[in-house]
Amino acid sequence: MAMRQKQGAGAVTSPLIRRPIQRQFAIFLLPTFACFCIGFLWPFLQGIYLSFHSFTTTRDTTFVGLGNYVKAFGDAGFRQAFLYTALVAGVSLVLINVLAFFVAYALTRGIRGSNLFRGVFFVPNLIGGIVLGYIWKTLIDAVLPVSMSIRAEYGFWGMMVVLCWQQVGYMMIIYIAGLQAVPEDILEAARIDGANGWKTLWHITLPNVMPSITICVFLTLTNGFKLYDQNLVLTNGAPIRRGIGATEMMALNIAKSFSTANQRGVAQAKAVLFFILVTAISLIQLNATRRKEVQQ
């Protein structure tokens, strides 16, 4: 049996099979690359081009240079949206990851029905953002004395409830995979040395789960900044104070700006700035957390 497996592996890696694949790799790569160019690369480059123009349609443009970016930076609503988005992303980052980790930790302790609980926690992630937003808006507004659209603090914490309920289950699955990959011999050695549960968790489990923490922090951070549909449904940026939405996030602000014909160039400049911001923050976060993985 071992000889047959060895021969099969050798056949797969044989130059007679690999050379034709290597020569014709472009045929296999071309469809995916074409879809990438049509669906992402070309719209992305065109968006950067349009950010330097005033336009109502993509064929009727007037070059304005950095004027759109100057207006974007001078927009008080956009600055408020950035601050509110940063607040939502930061708080949700902590809440989601702490809850997801401890739920995963509890479900890997060998309790009865752990597989059922995993499925229950994961199901909310399968519900679309718009539907999820309408469900929770109805529930939360029925409990609160006033609507989330009237009190900004209610809108903020309502958003936290929705984000945690939707994303904790997904991050839990990633943490469970990381916890199950912790070497058992290291945990056994810690128990023999007299380490209690807290010390084992802090000094052994967490360092070994850092790759999962890196992934989950990246996902929750980017999801928090890119949030649009739940923000639209729960409050739509309300309450409005001096023409500025108190609970309006960056994606919603950009969409509203683009709906105004004479502001589409400014909205496109906001979108480019939004992309640069999210990319920079994500790269800084990945670099910071991966350094801790190397130090283990």
Protein backbone atom coordinates (compact mmCIF):
# COMPACT_ATOMS: atom_id res chain seq x y z
CA MET A 1 0.00 0.00 0.00
CA ALA A 2 2.80 2.42 0.91
CA MET A 3 4.55 1.60 -2.38
CA ARG A 4 1.40 2.38 -4.37
CA GLN A 5 0.93 5.72 -2.59
CA LYS A 6 4.54 6.63 -3.30
CA GLN A 7 4.15 5.74 -6.96
CA GLY A 8 0.93 7.79 -7.18
CA ALA A 9 2.60 10.84 -5.65
CA GLY A 10 5.50 10.46 -8.03
CA ALA A 11 3.14 10.32 -11.00
CA VAL A 12 1.49 13.59 -10.00
CA THR A 13 4.82 15.38 -9.71
CA SER A 14 6.24 13.78 -12.83
CA PRO A 15 7.76 16.24 -15.36
CA LEU A 16 5.67 14.59 -18.09
CA ILE A 17 2.53 15.85 -16.35
CA ARG A 18 3.84 19.13 -14.93
CA ARG A 19 5.41 20.49 -18.15
CA PRO A 20 2.18 20.68 -20.21
CA ILE A 21 0.42 22.36 -17.27
CA GLN A 22 3.23 24.87 -16.87
CA ARG A 23 3.20 25.67 -20.58
CA GLN A 24 -0.56 26.20 -20.69
CA PHE A 25 -0.98 27.91 -17.33
CA ALA A 26 -2.16 31.10 -19.06
CA ILE A 27 -5.26 29.30 -20.35
CA PHE A 28 -6.26 28.44 -16.79
CA LEU A 29 -5.27 31.83 -15.39
CA LEU A 30 -6.86 34.02 -18.10
CA PRO A 31 -10.57 33.70 -17.11
CA THR A 32 -9.90 34.59 -13.48
CA PHE A 33 -7.53 37.41 -14.42
CA ALA A 34 -10.05 38.81 -16.92
CA CYS A 35 -12.78 38.82 -14.27
CA PHE A 36 -10.42 40.53 -11.84
CA CYS A 37 -9.58 43.25 -14.37
CA ILE A 38 -13.18 43.83 -15.44
CA GLY A 39 -14.76 43.63 -12.01
CA PHE A 40 -12.11 45.30 -9.85
CA LEU A 41 -8.99 46.71 -11.48
CA TRP A 42 -10.63 48.82 -14.22
CA PRO A 43 -13.36 50.32 -11.95
CA PHE A 44 -10.71 51.03 -9.32
CA LEU A 45 -8.44 52.90 -11.76
CA GLN A 46 -11.40 54.72 -13.28
CA GLY A 47 -12.50 55.76 -9.78
CA ILE A 48 -9.09 57.30 -9.10
CA TYR A 49 -9.27 59.11 -12.45
CA LEU A 50 -12.76 60.47 -11.73
CA SER A 51 -11.69 61.71 -8.29
CA PHE A 52 -9.77 64.48 -10.08
CA HIS A 53 -12.80 65.49 -12.16
CA SER A 54 -16.18 67.08 -11.74
CA PHE A 55 -18.80 64.93 -13.44
CA THR A 56 -22.41 63.87 -13.63
CA THR A 57 -21.73 60.91 -15.93
CA THR A 58 -18.45 59.11 -16.56
CA ARG A 59 -18.37 60.48 -20.14
CA ASP A 60 -19.01 64.11 -19.21
CA THR A 61 -16.08 65.09 -17.00
CA THR A 62 -14.19 68.31 -16.23
CA PHE A 63 -10.71 68.20 -14.75
CA VAL A 64 -10.50 70.02 -11.41
CA GLY A 65 -7.20 68.67 -10.06
CA LEU A 66 -7.08 68.39 -6.28
CA GLY A 67 -10.22 70.49 -5.86
CA ASN A 68 -12.36 67.49 -4.96
CA TYR A 69 -9.89 66.41 -2.28
CA VAL A 70 -9.80 69.92 -0.82
CA LYS A 71 -13.62 69.90 -0.60
CA ALA A 72 -13.58 66.40 0.92
CA PHE A 73 -11.17 67.45 3.66
CA GLY A 74 -13.21 70.61 4.25
CA ASP A 75 -16.49 68.69 4.61
CA ALA A 76 -17.46 68.73 8.30
CA GLY A 77 -19.87 65.85 7.72
CA PHE A 78 -17.07 63.69 6.32
CA ARG A 79 -14.82 64.47 9.28
CA GLN A 80 -17.61 63.61 11.70
CA ALA A 81 -18.26 60.40 9.80
CA PHE A 82 -14.59 59.46 10.12
CA LEU A 83 -14.59 60.02 13.89
CA TYR A 84 -17.80 58.06 14.35
CA THR A 85 -16.56 55.23 12.10
CA ALA A 86 -13.30 55.02 14.05
CA LEU A 87 -15.28 54.83 17.30
CA VAL A 88 -17.56 52.07 15.98
CA ALA A 89 -14.62 50.11 14.53
CA GLY A 90 -12.55 50.41 17.72
CA VAL A 91 -15.29 49.43 20.17
CA SER A 92 -16.60 46.59 17.98
CA LEU A 93 -13.04 45.33 17.51
CA VAL A 94 -12.65 44.83 21.26
CA LEU A 95 -16.14 43.52 21.99
CA ILE A 96 -16.35 41.05 19.11
CA ASN A 97 -12.90 39.55 19.64
CA VAL A 98 -13.19 39.26 23.43
CA LEU A 99 -16.63 37.65 23.22
CA ALA A 100 -15.66 35.37 20.32
CA PHE A 101 -12.49 34.18 22.04
CA PHE A 102 -14.16 33.32 25.33
CA VAL A 103 -17.08 31.61 23.58
CA ALA A 104 -14.56 29.57 21.58
CA TYR A 105 -12.56 28.84 24.72
CA ALA A 106 -15.68 27.62 26.52
CA LEU A 107 -16.74 25.42 23.60
CA THR A 108 -13.34 23.71 23.46
CA ARG A 109 -13.54 22.63 27.12
CA GLY A 110 -15.43 19.46 26.19
CA ILE A 111 -18.91 20.56 27.31
CA ARG A 112 -21.96 18.66 26.11
CA GLY A 113 -23.61 19.92 22.94
CA SER A 114 -20.62 22.02 21.91
CA ASN A 115 -21.20 21.28 18.21
CA LEU A 116 -24.81 22.44 18.52
CA PHE A 117 -23.75 25.65 20.24
CA ARG A 118 -21.18 26.31 17.52
CA GLY A 119 -23.87 26.06 14.88
CA VAL A 120 -26.23 28.32 16.83
CA PHE A 121 -23.57 31.00 17.28
CA PHE A 122 -22.56 30.83 13.60
CA VAL A 123 -26.07 31.07 12.08
CA PRO A 124 -26.44 34.91 12.50
CA ASN A 125 -23.47 35.37 10.17
CA LEU A 126 -25.53 33.84 7.36
CA ILE A 127 -28.21 36.56 7.54
CA GLY A 128 -27.79 39.50 5.16
CA GLY A 129 -26.98 42.91 6.62
CA ILE A 130 -30.16 44.64 5.41
CA VAL A 131 -32.46 41.92 6.76
CA LEU A 132 -30.48 41.75 9.99
CA GLY A 133 -30.71 45.51 10.39
CA TYR A 134 -34.49 45.59 9.96
CA ILE A 135 -34.96 42.72 12.44
CA TRP A 136 -32.87 44.37 15.14
CA LYS A 137 -34.28 47.85 14.47
CA THR A 138 -37.75 46.50 15.19
CA LEU A 139 -36.60 44.69 18.34
CA ILE A 140 -34.47 47.51 19.75
CA ASP A 141 -36.97 50.30 19.04
CA ALA A 142 -39.65 48.20 20.77
CA VAL A 143 -37.53 48.05 23.94
CA LEU A 144 -36.08 51.58 24.04
CA PRO A 145 -38.14 54.55 25.26
CA VAL A 146 -37.28 56.49 22.08
CA SER A 147 -36.09 55.47 18.62
CA MET A 148 -32.40 55.02 17.82
CA SER A 149 -32.85 57.73 15.19
CA ILE A 150 -33.58 60.27 17.93
CA ARG A 151 -30.83 59.48 20.45
CA ALA A 152 -27.32 59.06 19.01
CA GLU A 153 -26.10 56.98 21.97
CA TYR A 154 -28.94 54.52 21.43
CA GLY A 155 -27.99 54.26 17.77
CA PHE A 156 -24.36 53.56 18.69
CA TRP A 157 -25.08 50.79 21.18
CA GLY A 158 -27.75 49.37 18.90
CA MET A 159 -25.06 49.09 16.25
CA MET A 160 -22.78 47.32 18.74
CA VAL A 161 -25.49 44.78 19.52
CA VAL A 162 -26.08 44.03 15.85
CA LEU A 163 -22.38 43.74 15.00
CA CYS A 164 -21.61 41.47 17.94
CA TRP A 165 -24.63 39.26 17.30
CA GLN A 166 -23.67 38.86 13.65
CA GLN A 167 -19.89 38.53 13.78
CA VAL A 168 -19.07 36.78 17.06
CA GLY A 169 -20.01 33.37 15.64
CA TYR A 170 -17.76 33.74 12.60
CA MET A 171 -14.76 34.84 14.65
CA MET A 172 -15.52 32.05 17.12
CA ILE A 173 -14.92 29.44 14.40
CA ILE A 174 -11.49 30.93 13.66
CA TYR A 175 -10.58 30.99 17.35
CA ILE A 176 -11.72 27.40 17.81
CA ALA A 177 -9.38 26.33 15.00
CA GLY A 178 -6.53 28.17 16.71
CA LEU A 179 -7.29 26.72 20.14
CA GLN A 180 -7.47 23.20 18.79
CA ALA A 181 -4.03 23.66 17.19
CA VAL A 182 -2.33 24.45 20.51
CA PRO A 183 0.09 21.55 21.19
CA GLU A 184 -1.28 19.30 23.92
CA ASP A 185 2.18 18.43 25.22
CA ILE A 186 2.82 22.11 26.06
CA LEU A 187 -0.45 22.32 28.00
CA GLU A 188 0.35 19.09 29.81
CA ALA A 189 3.80 20.38 30.73
CA ALA A 190 2.22 23.56 32.13
CA ARG A 191 -0.17 21.54 34.28
CA ILE A 192 2.70 19.41 35.60
CA ASP A 193 4.64 22.57 36.50
CA GLY A 194 1.66 23.76 38.53
CA ALA A 195 0.37 26.53 36.25
CA ASN A 196 -3.25 27.41 36.98
CA GLY A 197 -5.89 28.01 34.33
CA TRP A 198 -5.29 31.76 34.08
CA LYS A 199 -1.51 31.46 33.73
CA THR A 200 -1.91 28.70 31.14
CA LEU A 201 -4.35 30.86 29.17
CA TRP A 202 -2.21 34.02 29.34
CA HIS A 203 1.29 32.59 28.86
CA ILE A 204 0.66 29.53 26.65
CA THR A 205 -2.74 29.56 24.95
CA LEU A 206 -2.84 33.20 23.84
CA PRO A 207 0.69 33.24 22.33
CA ASN A 208 -0.08 30.08 20.37
CA VAL A 209 -3.39 31.50 19.13
CA MET A 210 -1.80 34.72 17.81
CA PRO A 211 -2.25 33.72 14.12
CA SER A 212 -6.00 33.41 14.73
CA ILE A 213 -6.00 36.72 16.63
CA THR A 214 -4.27 38.39 13.67
CA ILE A 215 -6.96 37.15 11.26
CA CYS A 216 -9.89 38.03 13.52
CA VAL A 217 -8.58 41.51 14.37
CA PHE A 218 -8.02 42.20 10.66
CA LEU A 219 -11.53 41.07 9.72
CA THR A 220 -13.33 42.92 12.50
CA LEU A 221 -11.32 46.10 11.92
CA THR A 222 -11.96 46.21 8.17
CA ASN A 223 -15.61 45.20 8.59
CA GLY A 224 -16.09 47.99 11.12
CA PHE A 225 -14.70 50.63 8.77
CA LYS A 226 -16.56 49.36 5.70
CA LEU A 227 -19.93 49.05 7.42
CA TYR A 228 -22.81 50.41 5.36
CA ASP A 229 -26.01 48.34 5.27
CA GLN A 230 -26.64 48.09 9.02
CA ASN A 231 -25.88 51.80 9.43
CA LEU A 232 -28.33 52.62 6.65
CA VAL A 233 -31.15 50.56 8.13
CA LEU A 234 -30.71 51.25 11.86
CA THR A 235 -30.40 55.05 11.83
CA ASN A 236 -29.56 56.27 8.29
CA GLY A 237 -27.18 58.71 9.99
CA ALA A 238 -29.84 60.28 12.24
CA PRO A 239 -30.19 62.32 14.34
CA ILE A 240 -29.17 65.23 12.14
CA ARG A 241 -27.44 68.08 13.93
CA ARG A 242 -26.65 71.26 11.97
CA GLY A 243 -26.89 69.31 8.75
CA ILE A 244 -24.49 66.59 9.96
CA GLY A 245 -25.55 63.02 10.75
CA ALA A 246 -24.51 62.15 14.30
CA THR A 247 -24.46 58.39 13.53
CA GLU A 248 -23.41 58.57 9.88
CA MET A 249 -20.44 56.36 8.99
CA MET A 250 -17.98 56.96 6.15
CA ALA A 251 -19.49 54.54 3.64
CA LEU A 252 -22.97 56.03 4.13
CA ASN A 253 -21.58 59.57 3.89
CA ILE A 254 -19.90 58.72 0.57
CA ALA A 255 -23.07 57.14 -0.81
CA LYS A 256 -25.17 60.17 0.14
CA SER A 257 -22.63 62.54 -1.41
CA PHE A 258 -22.63 60.56 -4.65
CA SER A 259 -26.44 60.77 -4.85
CA THR A 260 -26.06 64.55 -5.30
CA ALA A 261 -25.20 65.26 -8.95
CA ASN A 262 -22.82 68.17 -8.35
CA GLN A 263 -21.02 66.31 -5.55
CA ARG A 264 -20.09 63.11 -7.37
CA GLY A 265 -16.48 64.12 -7.93
CA VAL A 266 -16.15 64.99 -4.25
CA ALA A 267 -17.76 61.67 -3.32
CA GLN A 268 -15.26 59.85 -5.52
CA ALA A 269 -12.39 61.68 -3.81
CA LYS A 270 -13.85 60.64 -0.44
CA ALA A 271 -13.94 57.04 -1.66
CA VAL A 272 -10.25 57.16 -2.61
CA LEU A 273 -9.37 58.65 0.78
CA PHE A 274 -11.50 55.97 2.41
CA PHE A 275 -9.59 53.25 0.55
CA ILE A 276 -6.21 54.71 1.53
CA LEU A 277 -7.29 55.00 5.17
CA VAL A 278 -8.59 51.44 5.50
CA THR A 279 -5.58 50.02 3.67
CA ALA A 280 -3.10 51.91 5.86
CA ILE A 281 -4.81 50.91 9.10
CA SER A 282 -5.05 47.28 8.00
CA LEU A 283 -1.37 47.11 7.06
CA ILE A 284 -0.32 48.68 10.38
CA GLN A 285 -2.48 46.21 12.29
CA LEU A 286 -1.17 43.20 10.35
CA ASN A 287 2.41 44.29 10.88
CA ALA A 288 1.87 44.83 14.62
CA THR A 289 0.17 41.50 15.29
CA ARG A 290 2.49 39.47 13.08
CA ARG A 291 5.48 40.76 15.04
CA LYS A 292 4.02 39.06 18.10
CA GLU A 293 3.74 35.81 16.15
CA VAL A 294 7.46 35.97 15.28
CA GLN A 295 8.41 36.58 18.92
CA GLN A 296 6.74 33.38 20.13
